Amino acid sequence: LGTVNSSNVGNYPFNVSNTGVFAGINRAIINNDNFNNVTSLHDTVRYRIIPITSVATGSCAGDTFQVKVPVYPEPVGAGSTETACSGVTFNYDLNENLTNLGAYPDPSDDDLEPVTFNWQITSMSPAPFAVGAAVGDTGSGATLTDNVTNIFNFPLTVNYTVTPTSTFGCAGTPFVVSVVVNNKPLVSLNPNGDNTLCQGEERTLLGNATNLPPSTFTYEWSIVSASPGNASLANANTQNAVLTAQTDNTNALTIKLKVINAEGCADSTTYTFTVNPVPSFAAGEPADLAACATVANGQQGIFNLTNSVPTTSGTISYHVSASDAEAGIGAIPNAGSYTGNNGQEIWVRLTGVNGCYTIESIILTVNPLPTASIAGDDELCAGESTTLTASGGSSYAWSNMAVTAGITVSPAVTTTYTVTVTNANGCTDTESVEVIVNPLPTAVITPSSATICSGASATLTATGGASYLWSNGAVTPSITVSPVVMTTYTVTVTDVNGCTDTESATINVNPNPTFAGAEPLALNACETVQGGGVGIFNLNNAVPATS
């Protein structure tokens, strides 16, 4: 009586003990025996039965027989402490708390599986309550599943008393699973501006998290919107990330910030940006500009900056620095007549209706001025002409409308001639010359004509100039001449300006007369007074034949 045999001796350890009194008992009913099997397999208890008749009938023993009683194991569980996050559903496999389970899950190697579990919240500390859980709450299943919200600023422990029951209905000793519910961090995302971005705009996003009790945090930034294009996040594992909006589309951009505290609890938030397109300059714009120097050999010119973007539409401003252009400050007020330096860089900002902008720079070039000059005689006598020749450029425009380098003019009065010289860069210079027209002198010969007898002389005197040149080679104002025949004398009078005039005078020469025959004849006359020696003559009688 009372022998115990294992059906799997040598393969699995077993421990079957009897707490009842069974050996040698005269009883017709087997009861009150308690066998504790702590293995994972069942064992068999064999009762050897000898039936014996009563004493009155002689106490005769019958044939011996056996009664086999299988003893199935109870699931043995060990308590554990788990962690969970407030407001997050947790799932714990209670089979992992069993200590006498075979390979799991494999019901073929033990007599326990599948084990069912019934649990009940038996206590909470240090606070007696929570959101989503209360003492007395029950549940069942191989997985302990619950969602507890901790409303306190300290970890909350929820104690679950679990009763395991084997597949053969053997209930094990209850064990306790303590779940420490930690708070999640409170997460916020500061967009560091409004909710609009421009294509390609860079924005530092500010993350923040608080926790009760205080904790340390790990930050995880990500882009979660569909079709974000080439948008990117830098420093995605730090508290503050740098977002660069996409340039290849204008889809909305949603950013997610997940924060994990030191207890492993996480929370997240999202923020969505509207992405606006960036305006673009017309093809080839903005274009570099050139202007002519304001002074000879100067390095400054006056530029119309609007000429750099003749066909671009939008709000356009011009800036002397990239930082000003980026900030949209310090716009040049006189863009139509800006005095710039040779080689200077100007930043052009184009802003669209949505406030997005793009910036490009241009270079200013100051072209040198040509040097205009005029060569030619600039002082004339009335009636003369002069040729004026301009140089220093590639094209010329005169005040008299001529467009050649050289012009021939015959001004009647003193006249100023101006030429505008243009070089290959379109820069101009002007030069003027005053052509002085001096009046001619008036030559006068006194006498203007004369008649002399042959062999006689005459004096001609010229006036009206500063120097004189006679046709006979004389260079004095007066000349005395004795022509033998009628002769015309011409004088060229030159004044102090070199202007000349001519005048002529004619000298007529009369031949000398000839007496007829022996004339003149000698004359005789009587004395008027005796002895006086004086007489009266008729002189005509001396040349009676001469006419």
Protein backbone atom coordinates (compact mmCIF):
# COMPACT_ATOMS: atom_id res chain seq x y z
CA LEU A 1 0.00 0.00 0.00
CA GLY A 2 1.11 3.52 -0.70
CA THR A 3 3.74 2.83 -3.37
CA VAL A 4 4.36 5.73 -5.71
CA ASN A 5 5.70 5.24 -9.20
CA SER A 6 6.43 7.81 -11.92
CA SER A 7 5.39 7.03 -15.41
CA ASN A 8 8.44 8.86 -16.64
CA VAL A 9 11.12 7.87 -14.16
CA GLY A 10 14.52 8.73 -15.39
CA ASN A 11 13.33 11.49 -17.75
CA TYR A 12 11.86 14.16 -15.48
CA PRO A 13 12.37 14.86 -11.78
CA PHE A 14 9.27 14.53 -9.64
CA ASN A 15 8.33 15.06 -6.05
CA VAL A 16 5.16 13.35 -4.94
CA SER A 17 4.43 13.44 -1.25
CA ASN A 18 1.48 12.06 0.68
CA THR A 19 0.04 14.10 3.45
CA GLY A 20 -2.81 11.68 4.12
CA VAL A 21 -2.85 8.38 6.02
CA PHE A 22 -3.25 5.66 3.57
CA ALA A 23 -1.11 2.64 4.51
CA GLY A 24 -2.81 -0.13 6.41
CA ILE A 25 -6.08 1.71 6.70
CA ASN A 26 -9.16 -0.38 6.71
CA ARG A 27 -11.40 1.64 4.54
CA ALA A 28 -13.48 1.09 1.54
CA ILE A 29 -13.03 4.63 0.19
CA ILE A 30 -9.71 6.22 -0.83
CA ASN A 31 -9.93 9.82 0.31
CA ASN A 32 -8.10 12.68 2.03
CA ASP A 33 -4.84 11.86 0.29
CA ASN A 34 -2.94 14.93 -0.87
CA PHE A 35 -0.10 14.55 -3.32
CA ASN A 36 2.07 17.58 -4.30
CA ASN A 37 3.55 17.23 -7.78
CA VAL A 38 5.98 20.11 -8.48
CA THR A 39 7.19 18.83 -11.83
CA SER A 40 5.75 19.77 -15.17
CA LEU A 41 4.47 16.27 -15.93
CA HIS A 42 1.86 14.12 -14.21
CA ASP A 43 2.83 11.17 -12.03
CA THR A 44 0.76 8.07 -11.13
CA VAL A 45 0.01 6.91 -7.61
CA ARG A 46 -0.83 3.16 -7.44
CA TYR A 47 -2.94 1.81 -4.63
CA ARG A 48 -2.62 -1.98 -4.01
CA ILE A 49 -6.00 -3.13 -2.71
CA ILE A 50 -6.57 -6.36 -0.75
CA PRO A 51 -10.24 -6.97 -0.11
CA ILE A 52 -10.89 -8.83 3.22
CA THR A 53 -14.17 -10.18 4.45
CA SER A 54 -15.49 -9.33 7.86
CA VAL A 55 -14.41 -11.21 10.96
CA ALA A 56 -17.85 -12.66 11.18
CA THR A 57 -17.34 -14.37 7.92
CA GLY A 58 -13.85 -15.49 8.73
CA SER A 59 -11.75 -12.50 7.48
CA CYS A 60 -11.04 -14.09 4.20
CA ALA A 61 -8.72 -12.17 1.85
CA GLY A 62 -9.66 -11.77 -1.73
CA ASP A 63 -7.49 -11.25 -4.78
CA THR A 64 -5.22 -8.21 -4.69
CA PHE A 65 -5.77 -5.49 -7.27
CA GLN A 66 -4.40 -1.96 -7.96
CA VAL A 67 -5.96 1.46 -8.33
CA LYS A 68 -3.91 3.99 -10.29
CA VAL A 69 -4.40 7.66 -9.50
CA PRO A 70 -2.62 10.19 -11.84
CA VAL A 71 -1.29 13.24 -9.98
CA TYR A 72 -1.08 16.27 -12.31
CA PRO A 73 1.28 19.17 -11.53
CA GLU A 74 0.14 22.58 -10.46
CA PRO A 75 1.61 25.63 -12.25
CA VAL A 76 4.12 27.27 -9.95
CA GLY A 77 4.45 31.01 -10.41
CA ALA A 78 6.98 33.57 -9.20
CA GLY A 79 6.15 37.21 -8.60
CA SER A 80 7.82 39.92 -10.68
CA THR A 81 8.04 43.65 -11.01
CA GLU A 82 7.36 45.15 -14.40
CA THR A 83 7.28 48.72 -15.68
CA ALA A 84 4.71 50.50 -17.79
CA CYS A 85 4.07 53.98 -19.04
CA SER A 86 1.11 56.05 -18.04
CA GLY A 87 -1.74 55.87 -20.50
CA VAL A 88 -0.03 53.20 -22.60
CA THR A 89 -1.50 49.71 -22.86
CA PHE A 90 0.94 47.12 -21.54
CA ASN A 91 1.00 43.40 -22.25
CA TYR A 92 2.94 40.92 -20.15
CA ASP A 93 3.07 37.18 -20.91
CA LEU A 94 2.31 35.56 -17.58
CA ASN A 95 3.73 32.23 -18.75
CA GLU A 96 7.14 33.78 -18.21
CA ASN A 97 6.39 33.92 -14.49
CA LEU A 98 5.94 30.10 -14.27
CA THR A 99 8.94 28.21 -12.92
CA ASN A 100 7.95 24.61 -13.68
CA LEU A 101 6.86 25.06 -17.24
CA GLY A 102 8.52 23.06 -19.95
CA ALA A 103 9.69 24.56 -23.17
CA TYR A 104 7.23 27.32 -24.00
CA PRO A 105 5.12 27.24 -25.97
CA ASP A 106 5.24 23.48 -26.41
CA PRO A 107 2.38 21.59 -24.73
CA SER A 108 3.89 18.23 -25.69
CA ASP A 109 6.61 18.39 -23.05
CA ASP A 110 4.50 19.16 -20.01
CA ASP A 111 1.07 18.61 -18.50
CA LEU A 112 0.47 22.29 -17.78
CA GLU A 113 -0.09 24.05 -21.05
CA PRO A 114 -2.07 25.87 -21.96
CA VAL A 115 -2.19 27.57 -18.58
CA THR A 116 -4.99 30.00 -17.90
CA PHE A 117 -4.56 32.95 -15.60
CA ASN A 118 -7.01 34.95 -13.58
CA TRP A 119 -5.84 38.17 -12.04
CA GLN A 120 -7.14 40.85 -9.75
CA ILE A 121 -5.82 44.21 -8.66
CA THR A 122 -5.31 43.76 -4.96
CA SER A 123 -3.53 47.00 -4.08
CA MET A 124 -1.98 50.21 -5.42
CA SER A 125 0.69 52.37 -3.83
CA PRO A 126 1.57 54.95 -2.78
CA ALA A 127 -1.76 56.25 -4.11
CA PRO A 128 -4.85 54.04 -3.79
CA PHE A 129 -6.31 54.81 -7.21
CA ALA A 130 -5.52 55.67 -10.83
CA VAL A 131 -7.36 56.42 -14.04
CA GLY A 132 -8.30 53.19 -15.79
CA ALA A 133 -7.56 50.92 -12.82
CA ALA A 134 -9.02 50.29 -9.38
CA VAL A 135 -8.54 47.79 -6.59
CA GLY A 136 -10.80 44.84 -7.27
CA ASP A 137 -10.54 45.01 -11.05
CA THR A 138 -10.23 41.54 -12.52
CA GLY A 139 -9.17 39.98 -15.73
CA SER A 140 -8.05 36.75 -17.29
CA GLY A 141 -5.84 35.45 -20.03
CA ALA A 142 -2.28 34.39 -20.61
CA THR A 143 -1.37 38.03 -21.14
CA LEU A 144 -1.76 40.59 -18.43
CA THR A 145 -3.16 43.56 -20.37
CA ASP A 146 -4.16 46.86 -18.89
CA ASN A 147 -3.93 50.61 -19.45
CA VAL A 148 -3.33 52.71 -16.37
CA THR A 149 -3.05 56.49 -16.34
CA ASN A 150 -0.91 57.81 -13.54
CA ILE A 151 -2.19 61.24 -12.53
CA PHE A 152 0.41 61.75 -9.84
CA ASN A 153 3.89 63.22 -9.99
CA PHE A 154 5.50 59.99 -8.76
CA PRO A 155 5.58 56.39 -10.02
CA LEU A 156 2.48 54.38 -9.14
CA THR A 157 2.72 50.66 -8.35
CA VAL A 158 -0.28 48.47 -9.24
CA ASN A 159 -0.21 44.97 -7.73
CA TYR A 160 -1.91 42.22 -9.70
CA THR A 161 -2.54 38.91 -7.86
CA VAL A 162 -2.46 36.16 -10.47
CA THR A 163 -3.83 32.64 -10.09
CA PRO A 164 -2.53 30.17 -12.71
CA THR A 165 -4.57 27.09 -13.68
CA SER A 166 -3.20 24.23 -15.77
CA THR A 167 -4.93 22.67 -18.71
CA PHE A 168 -6.08 19.85 -16.39
CA GLY A 169 -7.70 22.34 -14.04
CA CYS A 170 -4.99 22.32 -11.39
CA ALA A 171 -4.75 25.75 -9.82
CA GLY A 172 -1.38 26.94 -8.63
CA THR A 173 -0.51 29.18 -5.75
CA PRO A 174 -1.30 32.82 -6.58
CA PHE A 175 1.65 35.14 -7.23
CA VAL A 176 1.89 38.92 -7.51
CA VAL A 177 2.96 40.92 -10.56
CA SER A 178 3.75 44.50 -9.53
CA VAL A 179 3.53 46.98 -12.39
CA VAL A 180 5.28 50.31 -11.80
CA VAL A 181 3.46 52.90 -13.90
CA ASN A 182 5.82 55.75 -14.83
CA ASN A 183 4.68 59.06 -16.16
CA LYS A 184 5.15 59.99 -19.81
CA PRO A 185 6.94 63.22 -20.62
CA LEU A 186 4.83 66.21 -21.60
CA VAL A 187 6.07 67.13 -25.08
CA SER A 188 5.76 70.43 -26.93
CA LEU A 189 7.09 71.60 -30.28
CA ASN A 190 7.79 75.27 -30.85
CA PRO A 191 7.93 76.05 -34.60
CA ASN A 192 10.03 79.13 -33.87
CA GLY A 193 7.80 81.19 -36.14
CA ASP A 194 4.51 80.86 -37.95
CA ASN A 195 3.19 77.75 -39.66
CA THR A 196 4.36 78.69 -43.13
CA LEU A 197 7.66 77.90 -44.77
CA CYS A 198 9.12 78.88 -48.08
CA GLN A 199 10.71 76.30 -50.32
CA GLY A 200 14.27 75.75 -49.17
CA GLU A 201 13.76 77.78 -45.99
CA GLU A 202 15.79 76.68 -42.98
CA ARG A 203 14.08 76.80 -39.60
CA THR A 204 15.35 75.75 -36.16
CA LEU A 205 12.56 73.83 -34.41
CA LEU A 206 12.54 74.01 -30.61
CA GLY A 207 11.66 70.87 -28.68
CA ASN A 208 10.69 70.80 -25.02
CA ALA A 209 9.72 68.15 -22.54
CA THR A 210 8.79 68.12 -18.86
CA ASN A 211 8.38 65.16 -16.56
CA LEU A 212 7.16 64.48 -13.01
CA PRO A 213 9.27 63.47 -11.35
CA PRO A 214 12.08 65.18 -13.32
CA SER A 215 13.90 62.99 -15.77
CA THR A 216 16.35 63.07 -18.63
CA PHE A 217 15.16 62.83 -22.22
CA THR A 218 16.02 61.45 -25.60
CA TYR A 219 14.69 63.35 -28.62
CA GLU A 220 13.71 61.86 -31.97
CA TRP A 221 12.63 64.17 -34.81
CA SER A 222 11.15 62.86 -38.03
CA ILE A 223 9.24 63.94 -41.12
CA VAL A 224 5.98 62.02 -41.24
CA SER A 225 4.05 63.74 -44.02
CA ALA A 226 3.47 62.06 -47.36
CA SER A 227 5.65 63.16 -50.29
CA PRO A 228 7.94 65.53 -48.44
CA GLY A 229 10.25 65.72 -51.43
CA ASN A 230 13.81 66.64 -50.55
CA ALA A 231 12.95 68.18 -47.19
CA SER A 232 15.49 67.30 -44.51
CA LEU A 233 16.08 67.42 -40.78
CA ALA A 234 19.47 68.03 -39.22
CA ASN A 235 20.30 67.35 -35.56
CA ALA A 236 17.33 64.99 -35.48
CA ASN A 237 18.48 63.39 -32.19
CA THR A 238 18.93 66.59 -30.25
CA GLN A 239 16.47 68.82 -28.44
CA ASN A 240 16.39 71.36 -31.27
CA ALA A 241 16.39 70.21 -34.88
CA VAL A 242 17.02 72.17 -38.04
CA LEU A 243 14.37 71.74 -40.72
CA THR A 244 15.02 72.58 -44.35
CA ALA A 245 11.85 72.73 -46.44
CA GLN A 246 11.77 70.94 -49.74
CA THR A 247 12.47 72.69 -53.02
CA ASP A 248 10.93 70.14 -55.39
CA ASN A 249 7.27 70.49 -54.36
CA THR A 250 4.96 72.50 -52.11
CA ASN A 251 3.25 69.69 -50.22
CA ALA A 252 2.37 70.28 -46.59
CA LEU A 253 5.20 69.24 -44.28
CA THR A 254 4.37 67.45 -41.01
CA ILE A 255 7.07 67.11 -38.37
CA LYS A 256 6.92 64.67 -35.46
CA LEU A 257 8.82 65.06 -32.19
CA LYS A 258 9.05 61.98 -30.01
CA VAL A 259 10.57 62.32 -26.54
CA ILE A 260 11.62 59.34 -24.42
CA ASN A 261 12.36 59.77 -20.73
CA ALA A 262 14.90 57.84 -18.69
CA GLU A 263 12.17 55.38 -17.66
CA GLY A 264 11.55 54.48 -21.28
CA CYS A 265 8.21 56.23 -21.52
CA ALA A 266 7.57 58.26 -24.62
CA ASP A 267 5.14 60.77 -25.94
CA SER A 268 5.05 62.68 -29.19
CA THR A 269 3.50 65.63 -30.94
CA THR A 270 3.29 66.78 -34.51
CA TYR A 271 3.26 70.11 -36.28
CA THR A 272 2.27 70.79 -39.88
CA PHE A 273 3.72 73.55 -42.03
CA THR A 274 2.34 75.01 -45.22
CA VAL A 275 5.11 75.20 -47.81
CA ASN A 276 4.84 78.13 -50.20
CA PRO A 277 6.67 78.39 -53.53
CA VAL A 278 9.68 80.65 -53.88
CA PRO A 279 9.45 83.21 -56.71
CA SER A 280 12.00 83.06 -59.48
CA PHE A 281 13.65 85.67 -61.63
CA ALA A 282 13.01 85.79 -65.36
CA ALA A 283 15.54 83.94 -67.48
CA GLY A 284 18.92 85.63 -67.47
CA GLU A 285 17.97 87.95 -64.64
CA PRO A 286 19.16 89.68 -62.61
CA ALA A 287 21.81 90.82 -65.04
CA ASP A 288 25.07 92.56 -64.25
CA LEU A 289 25.06 96.28 -64.98
CA ALA A 290 27.54 98.71 -66.50
CA ALA A 291 27.59 102.49 -66.32
CA CYS A 292 29.94 105.23 -67.39
CA ALA A 293 32.20 106.92 -64.91
CA THR A 294 30.85 110.18 -63.61
CA VAL A 295 34.25 111.87 -64.00
CA ALA A 296 37.31 111.20 -66.06
CA ASN A 297 39.38 108.35 -64.61
CA GLY A 298 36.70 107.90 -61.95
CA GLN A 299 35.62 104.63 -60.30
CA GLN A 300 32.00 105.57 -59.69
CA GLY A 301 29.00 105.54 -61.98
CA ILE A 302 25.27 106.16 -61.74
CA PHE A 303 23.25 102.95 -62.22
CA ASN A 304 19.58 102.29 -62.77
CA LEU A 305 19.41 99.07 -60.78
CA THR A 306 15.95 98.26 -62.13
CA ASN A 307 17.57 97.57 -65.49
CA SER A 308 18.95 94.34 -63.99
CA VAL A 309 15.44 92.83 -63.90
CA PRO A 310 13.51 94.34 -66.81
CA THR A 311 10.99 91.50 -67.16
CA THR A 312 10.82 90.02 -63.64
CA SER A 313 7.56 90.67 -61.79
CA GLY A 314 7.14 90.86 -58.03
CA THR A 315 8.38 93.05 -55.22
CA ILE A 316 12.04 93.76 -55.87
CA SER A 317 14.52 95.46 -53.58
CA TYR A 318 18.24 96.09 -53.82
CA HIS A 319 20.76 95.77 -50.98
CA VAL A 320 24.43 96.48 -50.42
CA SER A 321 24.95 93.33 -48.31
CA ALA A 322 23.74 89.75 -48.37
CA SER A 323 22.72 89.94 -44.72
CA ASP A 324 20.51 92.97 -45.36
CA ALA A 325 18.91 91.23 -48.32
CA GLU A 326 18.29 88.09 -46.26
CA ALA A 327 16.71 90.13 -43.47
CA GLY A 328 14.78 92.33 -45.91
CA ILE A 329 16.23 95.54 -44.45
CA GLY A 330 18.31 98.44 -45.71
CA ALA A 331 16.87 98.55 -49.22
CA ILE A 332 18.56 101.08 -51.50
CA PRO A 333 16.06 103.97 -51.75
CA ASN A 334 17.23 105.49 -55.05
CA ALA A 335 17.47 102.34 -57.13
CA GLY A 336 16.88 104.29 -60.34
CA SER A 337 19.94 106.50 -59.87
CA TYR A 338 22.29 104.69 -57.56
CA THR A 339 25.91 105.83 -57.37
CA GLY A 340 27.95 102.64 -57.32
CA ASN A 341 31.59 101.66 -57.42
CA ASN A 342 33.41 99.67 -60.03
CA GLY A 343 33.25 95.96 -59.13
CA GLN A 344 30.65 96.47 -56.40
CA GLU A 345 28.28 93.58 -55.63
CA ILE A 346 24.58 94.35 -55.20
CA TRP A 347 22.08 91.79 -53.85
CA VAL A 348 18.67 91.71 -55.51
CA ARG A 349 15.77 90.33 -53.44
CA LEU A 350 12.58 89.16 -55.17
CA THR A 351 9.60 88.73 -52.83
CA GLY A 352 6.41 86.97 -53.88
CA VAL A 353 2.85 87.58 -52.73
CA ASN A 354 3.19 84.88 -50.08
CA GLY A 355 6.23 86.51 -48.52
CA CYS A 356 8.70 83.98 -49.89
CA TYR A 357 11.76 85.40 -51.52
CA THR A 358 14.86 84.57 -53.48
CA ILE A 359 18.13 86.48 -53.61
CA GLU A 360 20.70 86.82 -56.39
CA SER A 361 23.61 89.22 -56.72
CA ILE A 362 24.88 91.35 -59.58
CA ILE A 363 28.20 93.07 -60.25
CA LEU A 364 28.47 96.74 -61.18
CA THR A 365 31.05 97.75 -63.76
CA VAL A 366 32.14 101.36 -64.22
CA ASN A 367 33.40 102.01 -67.74
CA PRO A 368 35.93 104.80 -68.31
CA LEU A 369 34.97 107.98 -70.13
CA PRO A 370 36.56 108.83 -73.46
CA THR A 371 38.67 111.98 -73.72
CA ALA A 372 37.31 114.22 -76.44
CA SER A 373 39.63 116.64 -78.23
CA ILE A 374 39.31 118.98 -81.23
CA ALA A 375 42.14 119.95 -83.54
CA GLY A 376 42.02 122.72 -86.16
CA ASP A 377 42.42 126.45 -86.72
CA ASP A 378 40.18 128.25 -84.29
CA GLU A 379 40.73 131.81 -85.53
CA LEU A 380 39.62 132.96 -88.98
CA CYS A 381 39.27 136.04 -91.03
CA ALA A 382 35.87 136.81 -92.40
CA GLY A 383 35.14 134.67 -95.40
CA GLU A 384 37.64 131.95 -94.54
CA SER A 385 36.90 128.30 -93.62
CA THR A 386 38.54 125.86 -91.22
CA THR A 387 38.50 122.10 -90.71
CA LEU A 388 37.87 120.91 -87.15
CA THR A 389 38.80 117.29 -86.37
CA ALA A 390 37.55 115.45 -83.24
CA SER A 391 39.25 112.41 -81.71
CA GLY A 392 38.94 110.11 -78.65
CA GLY A 393 35.93 107.98 -79.54
CA SER A 394 34.32 105.71 -82.05
CA SER A 395 31.47 108.01 -83.04
CA TYR A 396 30.95 111.76 -83.05
CA ALA A 397 28.04 114.18 -82.97
CA TRP A 398 28.62 117.89 -83.64
CA SER A 399 26.46 120.77 -82.63
CA ASN A 400 25.95 121.57 -86.31
CA MET A 401 24.41 118.07 -86.71
CA ALA A 402 27.45 116.60 -88.44
CA VAL A 403 28.35 113.02 -87.42
CA THR A 404 31.82 112.74 -88.91
CA ALA A 405 35.06 113.12 -87.04
CA GLY A 406 36.01 116.17 -89.12
CA ILE A 407 33.93 119.13 -90.22
CA THR A 408 34.75 122.13 -92.42
CA VAL A 409 33.03 125.36 -91.39
CA SER A 410 32.94 128.94 -92.61
CA PRO A 411 31.26 130.93 -89.88
CA ALA A 412 30.33 134.51 -90.63
CA VAL A 413 30.71 135.47 -87.00
CA THR A 414 32.50 134.01 -84.03
CA THR A 415 30.86 130.62 -83.36
CA THR A 416 31.31 127.83 -80.78
CA TYR A 417 31.32 124.27 -82.10
CA THR A 418 30.70 121.35 -79.66
CA VAL A 419 31.33 117.66 -80.33
CA THR A 420 30.06 114.69 -78.30
CA VAL A 421 32.46 111.76 -78.49
CA THR A 422 31.15 108.23 -77.76
CA ASN A 423 33.40 105.23 -77.10
CA ALA A 424 32.71 101.51 -77.59
CA ASN A 425 31.06 101.25 -74.14
CA GLY A 426 28.62 104.03 -74.97
CA CYS A 427 30.32 106.49 -72.64
CA THR A 428 30.58 110.08 -73.82
CA ASP A 429 32.65 113.17 -73.40
CA THR A 430 32.18 116.60 -74.93
CA GLU A 431 34.60 119.21 -76.11
CA SER A 432 33.99 122.68 -77.52
CA VAL A 433 36.02 125.10 -79.55
CA GLU A 434 35.26 128.72 -80.25
CA VAL A 435 36.08 129.74 -83.82
CA ILE A 436 36.82 133.43 -83.78
CA VAL A 437 35.95 135.33 -86.96
CA ASN A 438 37.98 138.52 -87.26
CA PRO A 439 36.74 141.35 -89.56
CA LEU A 440 38.80 142.21 -92.61
CA PRO A 441 40.76 145.50 -92.60
CA THR A 442 39.80 148.26 -95.06
CA ALA A 443 42.66 149.19 -97.28
CA VAL A 444 42.80 152.84 -98.52
CA ILE A 445 45.33 154.44 -100.91
CA THR A 446 45.71 158.16 -101.00
CA PRO A 447 45.44 159.45 -103.59
CA SER A 448 43.31 156.82 -105.16
CA SER A 449 44.59 157.96 -108.59
CA ALA A 450 47.01 160.56 -109.95
CA THR A 451 48.32 162.00 -113.23
CA ILE A 452 51.92 163.01 -113.66
CA CYS A 453 54.02 164.14 -116.46
CA SER A 454 56.56 161.90 -117.87
CA GLY A 455 59.60 161.94 -115.67
CA ALA A 456 57.66 163.21 -112.70
CA SER A 457 56.94 161.16 -109.52
CA ALA A 458 53.96 160.59 -107.26
CA THR A 459 53.58 159.41 -103.68
CA LEU A 460 50.92 156.84 -102.76
CA THR A 461 50.07 156.30 -99.07
CA ALA A 462 48.18 153.21 -97.82
CA THR A 463 46.25 153.05 -94.54
CA GLY A 464 44.00 150.54 -92.66
CA GLY A 465 46.43 147.88 -91.53
CA ALA A 466 49.43 147.08 -89.46
CA SER A 467 51.62 146.01 -92.37
CA TYR A 468 51.62 146.58 -96.05
CA LEU A 469 52.83 144.86 -99.15
CA TRP A 470 52.81 146.76 -102.43
CA SER A 471 52.73 145.19 -105.79
CA ASN A 472 56.14 146.70 -106.45
CA GLY A 473 57.48 144.80 -103.44
CA ALA A 474 57.53 147.73 -101.10
CA VAL A 475 56.46 147.04 -97.50
CA THR A 476 56.08 150.60 -96.27
CA PRO A 477 52.79 152.42 -95.96
CA SER A 478 53.90 155.03 -98.57
CA ILE A 479 55.69 154.60 -101.82
CA THR A 480 56.98 157.19 -104.28
CA VAL A 481 56.87 156.04 -107.86
CA SER A 482 57.84 157.52 -111.24
CA PRO A 483 56.18 155.37 -113.84
CA VAL A 484 56.93 156.06 -117.47
CA VAL A 485 53.55 154.81 -118.49
CA MET A 486 50.21 154.54 -116.78
CA THR A 487 50.63 152.04 -113.96
CA THR A 488 48.28 150.53 -111.32
CA TYR A 489 49.74 149.93 -107.91
CA THR A 490 48.09 147.41 -105.52
CA VAL A 491 48.67 147.21 -101.80
CA THR A 492 47.79 144.29 -99.45
CA VAL A 493 46.98 145.59 -96.02
CA THR A 494 47.32 143.15 -93.08
CA ASP A 495 45.88 143.92 -89.65
CA VAL A 496 47.02 142.64 -86.28
CA ASN A 497 44.86 139.49 -86.67
CA GLY A 498 46.51 138.63 -89.95
CA CYS A 499 43.45 139.51 -91.95
CA THR A 500 44.05 141.31 -95.27
CA ASP A 501 42.45 143.68 -97.72
CA THR A 502 43.73 145.01 -101.03
CA GLU A 503 43.35 148.32 -102.76
CA SER A 504 44.69 149.70 -106.04
CA ALA A 505 45.60 153.17 -107.37
CA THR A 506 46.45 154.12 -110.97
CA ILE A 507 49.09 156.70 -111.96
CA ASN A 508 48.48 158.29 -115.35
CA VAL A 509 51.66 159.60 -117.12
CA ASN A 510 51.23 162.44 -119.61
CA PRO A 511 53.99 162.99 -122.22
CA ASN A 512 55.89 166.30 -122.10
CA PRO A 513 54.92 168.96 -124.94
CA THR A 514 57.23 169.85 -128.03
CA PHE A 515 57.74 173.41 -129.49
CA ALA A 516 57.18 173.86 -133.14
CA GLY A 517 60.21 174.53 -135.31
CA ALA A 518 62.64 176.85 -133.71
CA GLU A 519 60.20 177.92 -131.16
CA PRO A 520 60.23 179.45 -128.78
CA LEU A 521 61.47 182.44 -130.52
CA ALA A 522 63.41 185.22 -128.99
CA LEU A 523 61.39 188.46 -128.57
CA ASN A 524 62.30 192.01 -128.93
CA ALA A 525 60.55 195.07 -127.56
CA CYS A 526 61.20 198.68 -127.22
CA GLU A 527 62.11 200.32 -123.96
CA THR A 528 59.27 202.01 -122.40
CA VAL A 529 61.58 204.60 -120.99
CA GLN A 530 64.58 205.79 -122.70
CA GLY A 531 67.50 204.04 -121.26
CA GLY A 532 65.33 202.18 -118.86
CA GLY A 533 65.98 198.71 -120.24
CA VAL A 534 62.39 197.63 -119.68
CA GLY A 535 60.00 196.82 -122.42
CA ILE A 536 56.62 195.25 -122.89
CA PHE A 537 56.57 191.80 -124.55
CA ASN A 538 53.84 189.59 -125.98
CA LEU A 539 55.17 186.25 -124.89
CA ASN A 540 52.77 184.39 -127.13
CA ASN A 541 54.73 185.67 -130.04
CA ALA A 542 57.52 183.41 -128.92
CA VAL A 543 55.55 180.30 -129.90
CA PRO A 544 53.34 181.30 -132.71
CA ALA A 545 53.20 177.84 -134.19
CA THR A 546 53.28 175.72 -131.09
CA SER A 547 49.98 174.40 -129.86
